[in-house]
C-alpha atoms as a PDB file:
ATOM      1  CA  MET A   1      16.584   6.823   3.410  1.00  0.00           C
ATOM      2  CA  ALA A   2      13.442   7.710   5.367  1.00  0.00           C
ATOM      3  CA  ILE A   3      10.176   8.978   3.913  1.00  0.00           C
ATOM      4  CA  LYS A   4       7.724  10.967   6.037  1.00  0.00           C
ATOM      5  CA  PRO A   5       4.344  11.426   4.310  1.00  0.00           C
ATOM      6  CA  LEU A   6       2.819  14.911   4.337  1.00  0.00           C
ATOM      7  CA  SER A   7      -0.793  16.014   4.749  1.00  0.00           C
ATOM      8  CA  ASP A   8      -3.256  13.102   4.410  1.00  0.00           C
ATOM      9  CA  ARG A   9      -0.781  10.766   2.712  1.00  0.00           C
ATOM     10  CA  VAL A  10       0.083   7.231   3.867  1.00  0.00           C
ATOM     11  CA  LEU A  11       3.219   5.194   3.033  1.00  0.00           C
ATOM     12  CA  VAL A  12       2.270   1.560   2.360  1.00  0.00           C
ATOM     13  CA  LYS A  13       4.632  -1.384   1.844  1.00  0.00           C
ATOM     14  CA  ILE A  14       3.179  -3.333  -1.086  1.00  0.00           C
ATOM     15  CA  GLU A  15       2.546  -7.038  -0.566  1.00  0.00           C
ATOM     16  CA  LYS A  16       4.005  -9.266  -3.240  1.00  0.00           C
ATOM     17  CA  ALA A  17       1.515 -11.113  -5.422  1.00  0.00           C
ATOM     18  CA  GLU A  18       1.497 -14.877  -5.261  1.00  0.00           C
ATOM     19  CA  THR A  19       3.595 -16.453  -8.002  1.00  0.00           C
ATOM     20  CA  LYS A  20       1.897 -19.866  -7.704  1.00  0.00           C
ATOM     21  CA  SER A  21      -1.768 -20.770  -7.835  1.00  0.00           C
ATOM     22  CA  ALA A  22      -3.372 -23.033  -5.234  1.00  0.00           C
ATOM     23  CA  GLY A  23      -2.930 -25.927  -7.665  1.00  0.00           C
ATOM     24  CA  GLY A  24       0.819 -25.270  -8.030  1.00  0.00           C
ATOM     25  CA  ILE A  25       0.732 -23.538 -11.416  1.00  0.00           C
ATOM     26  CA  ILE A  26       3.362 -20.786 -11.733  1.00  0.00           C
ATOM     27  CA  ILE A  27       1.830 -17.450 -12.759  1.00  0.00           C
ATOM     28  CA  PRO A  28       4.117 -15.221 -14.885  1.00  0.00           C
ATOM     29  CA  ASP A  29       4.554 -11.540 -13.882  1.00  0.00           C
ATOM     30  CA  THR A  30       2.707 -10.362 -16.994  1.00  0.00           C
ATOM     31  CA  ALA A  31      -0.434 -12.306 -16.037  1.00  0.00           C
ATOM     32  CA  GLN A  32      -0.526 -11.326 -12.379  1.00  0.00           C
ATOM     33  CA  GLU A  33      -3.134  -8.920 -11.072  1.00  0.00           C
ATOM     34  CA  LYS A  34      -1.732  -5.806  -9.395  1.00  0.00           C
ATOM     35  CA  THR A  35      -1.841  -6.337  -5.644  1.00  0.00           C
ATOM     36  CA  GLN A  36      -4.123  -4.033  -3.694  1.00  0.00           C
ATOM     37  CA  THR A  37      -3.049  -4.783  -0.138  1.00  0.00           C
ATOM     38  CA  GLY A  38      -0.126  -3.699   1.954  1.00  0.00           C
ATOM     39  CA  THR A  39       1.145  -2.730   5.385  1.00  0.00           C
ATOM     40  CA  VAL A  40       1.151   0.871   6.600  1.00  0.00           C
ATOM     41  CA  VAL A  41       4.717   2.043   7.264  1.00  0.00           C
ATOM     42  CA  ALA A  42       4.205   5.757   8.020  1.00  0.00           C
ATOM     43  CA  VAL A  43       1.361   8.274   8.054  1.00  0.00           C
ATOM     44  CA  GLY A  44       1.106  12.027   7.598  1.00  0.00           C
ATOM     45  CA  PRO A  45      -0.511  14.322  10.185  1.00  0.00           C
ATOM     46  CA  GLY A  46      -3.770  14.649   8.243  1.00  0.00           C
ATOM     47  CA  THR A  47      -5.717  17.808   7.448  1.00  0.00           C
ATOM     48  CA  GLU A  48      -8.806  19.472   8.861  1.00  0.00           C
ATOM     49  CA  LYS A  49     -10.905  17.942   6.066  1.00  0.00           C
ATOM     50  CA  GLU A  50      -9.218  14.525   5.860  1.00  0.00           C
ATOM     51  CA  LYS A  51      -8.182  12.794   9.094  1.00  0.00           C
ATOM     52  CA  VAL A  52      -5.731   9.898   8.972  1.00  0.00           C
ATOM     53  CA  THR A  53      -7.486   6.897  10.522  1.00  0.00           C
ATOM     54  CA  VAL A  54      -4.820   4.225  10.007  1.00  0.00           C
ATOM     55  CA  SER A  55      -1.608   3.664  11.936  1.00  0.00           C
ATOM     56  CA  PRO A  56       1.750   2.018  11.179  1.00  0.00           C
ATOM     57  CA  GLY A  57       1.618  -1.764  11.222  1.00  0.00           C
ATOM     58  CA  GLN A  58      -1.990  -2.087  10.046  1.00  0.00           C
ATOM     59  CA  LYS A  59      -2.744  -4.097   6.913  1.00  0.00           C
ATOM     60  CA  VAL A  60      -4.878  -2.151   4.442  1.00  0.00           C
ATOM     61  CA  MET A  61      -6.601  -2.495   1.083  1.00  0.00           C
ATOM     62  CA  TYR A  62      -6.359   0.420  -1.371  1.00  0.00           C
ATOM     63  CA  ASP A  63      -7.762   1.440  -4.767  1.00  0.00           C
ATOM     64  CA  LYS A  64      -6.247  -0.386  -7.723  1.00  0.00           C
ATOM     65  CA  TYR A  65      -4.635   2.595  -9.475  1.00  0.00           C
ATOM     66  CA  ALA A  66      -3.965   4.740  -6.394  1.00  0.00           C
ATOM     67  CA  GLY A  67      -0.788   6.424  -5.326  1.00  0.00           C
ATOM     68  CA  THR A  68       2.782   6.998  -6.354  1.00  0.00           C
ATOM     69  CA  GLN A  69       5.136   4.030  -6.398  1.00  0.00           C
ATOM     70  CA  VAL A  70       8.546   4.459  -4.721  1.00  0.00           C
ATOM     71  CA  LYS A  71      11.410   2.079  -3.994  1.00  0.00           C
ATOM     72  CA  LEU A  72      12.746   2.248  -0.446  1.00  0.00           C
ATOM     73  CA  ASP A  73      15.840   0.141   0.325  1.00  0.00           C
ATOM     74  CA  GLY A  74      15.011  -2.061  -2.686  1.00  0.00           C
ATOM     75  CA  VAL A  75      11.420  -2.705  -1.537  1.00  0.00           C
ATOM     76  CA  GLU A  76       8.364  -1.419  -3.418  1.00  0.00           C
ATOM     77  CA  HIS A  77       6.200   1.067  -1.493  1.00  0.00           C
ATOM     78  CA  LEU A  78       3.250   3.248  -2.406  1.00  0.00           C
ATOM     79  CA  ILE A  79       2.342   6.735  -1.192  1.00  0.00           C
ATOM     80  CA  VAL A  80      -1.456   7.008  -1.242  1.00  0.00           C
ATOM     81  CA  LYS A  81      -4.014   9.545  -0.074  1.00  0.00           C
ATOM     82  CA  MET A  82      -6.106   8.529   2.919  1.00  0.00           C
ATOM     83  CA  ALA A  83      -9.193   8.639   0.682  1.00  0.00           C
ATOM     84  CA  ASP A  84      -7.672   5.888  -1.523  1.00  0.00           C
ATOM     85  CA  ILE A  85      -7.544   3.439   1.389  1.00  0.00           C
ATOM     86  CA  VAL A  86     -10.767   1.460   1.264  1.00  0.00           C
ATOM     87  CA  ALA A  87     -10.414  -0.988   4.156  1.00  0.00           C
ATOM     88  CA  ILE A  88      -8.369  -2.163   7.116  1.00  0.00           C
ATOM     89  CA  ILE A  89      -7.712  -5.913   7.029  1.00  0.00           C
ATOM     90  CA  GLU A  90      -7.918  -7.607  10.429  1.00  0.00           C
END
């Protein structure tokens, strides 16, 4: 299945949160913070008001409660608006 974002939307593959701390302690799923970074998979064409300034393959940081979560081939993805992307990670 392929998803092509519309308008100013961006499809982001969510990065998995670390399950171990630096000291080796295992962190249960219920105590983990929701991850806020991911890799851009696909982008929409943008609009006159909101241009899409990211491209596939870039690593980005997005707002904590942004977007719509979708499962694509068993992998968690998020469809977010361009305005919800706060940074490009280099």
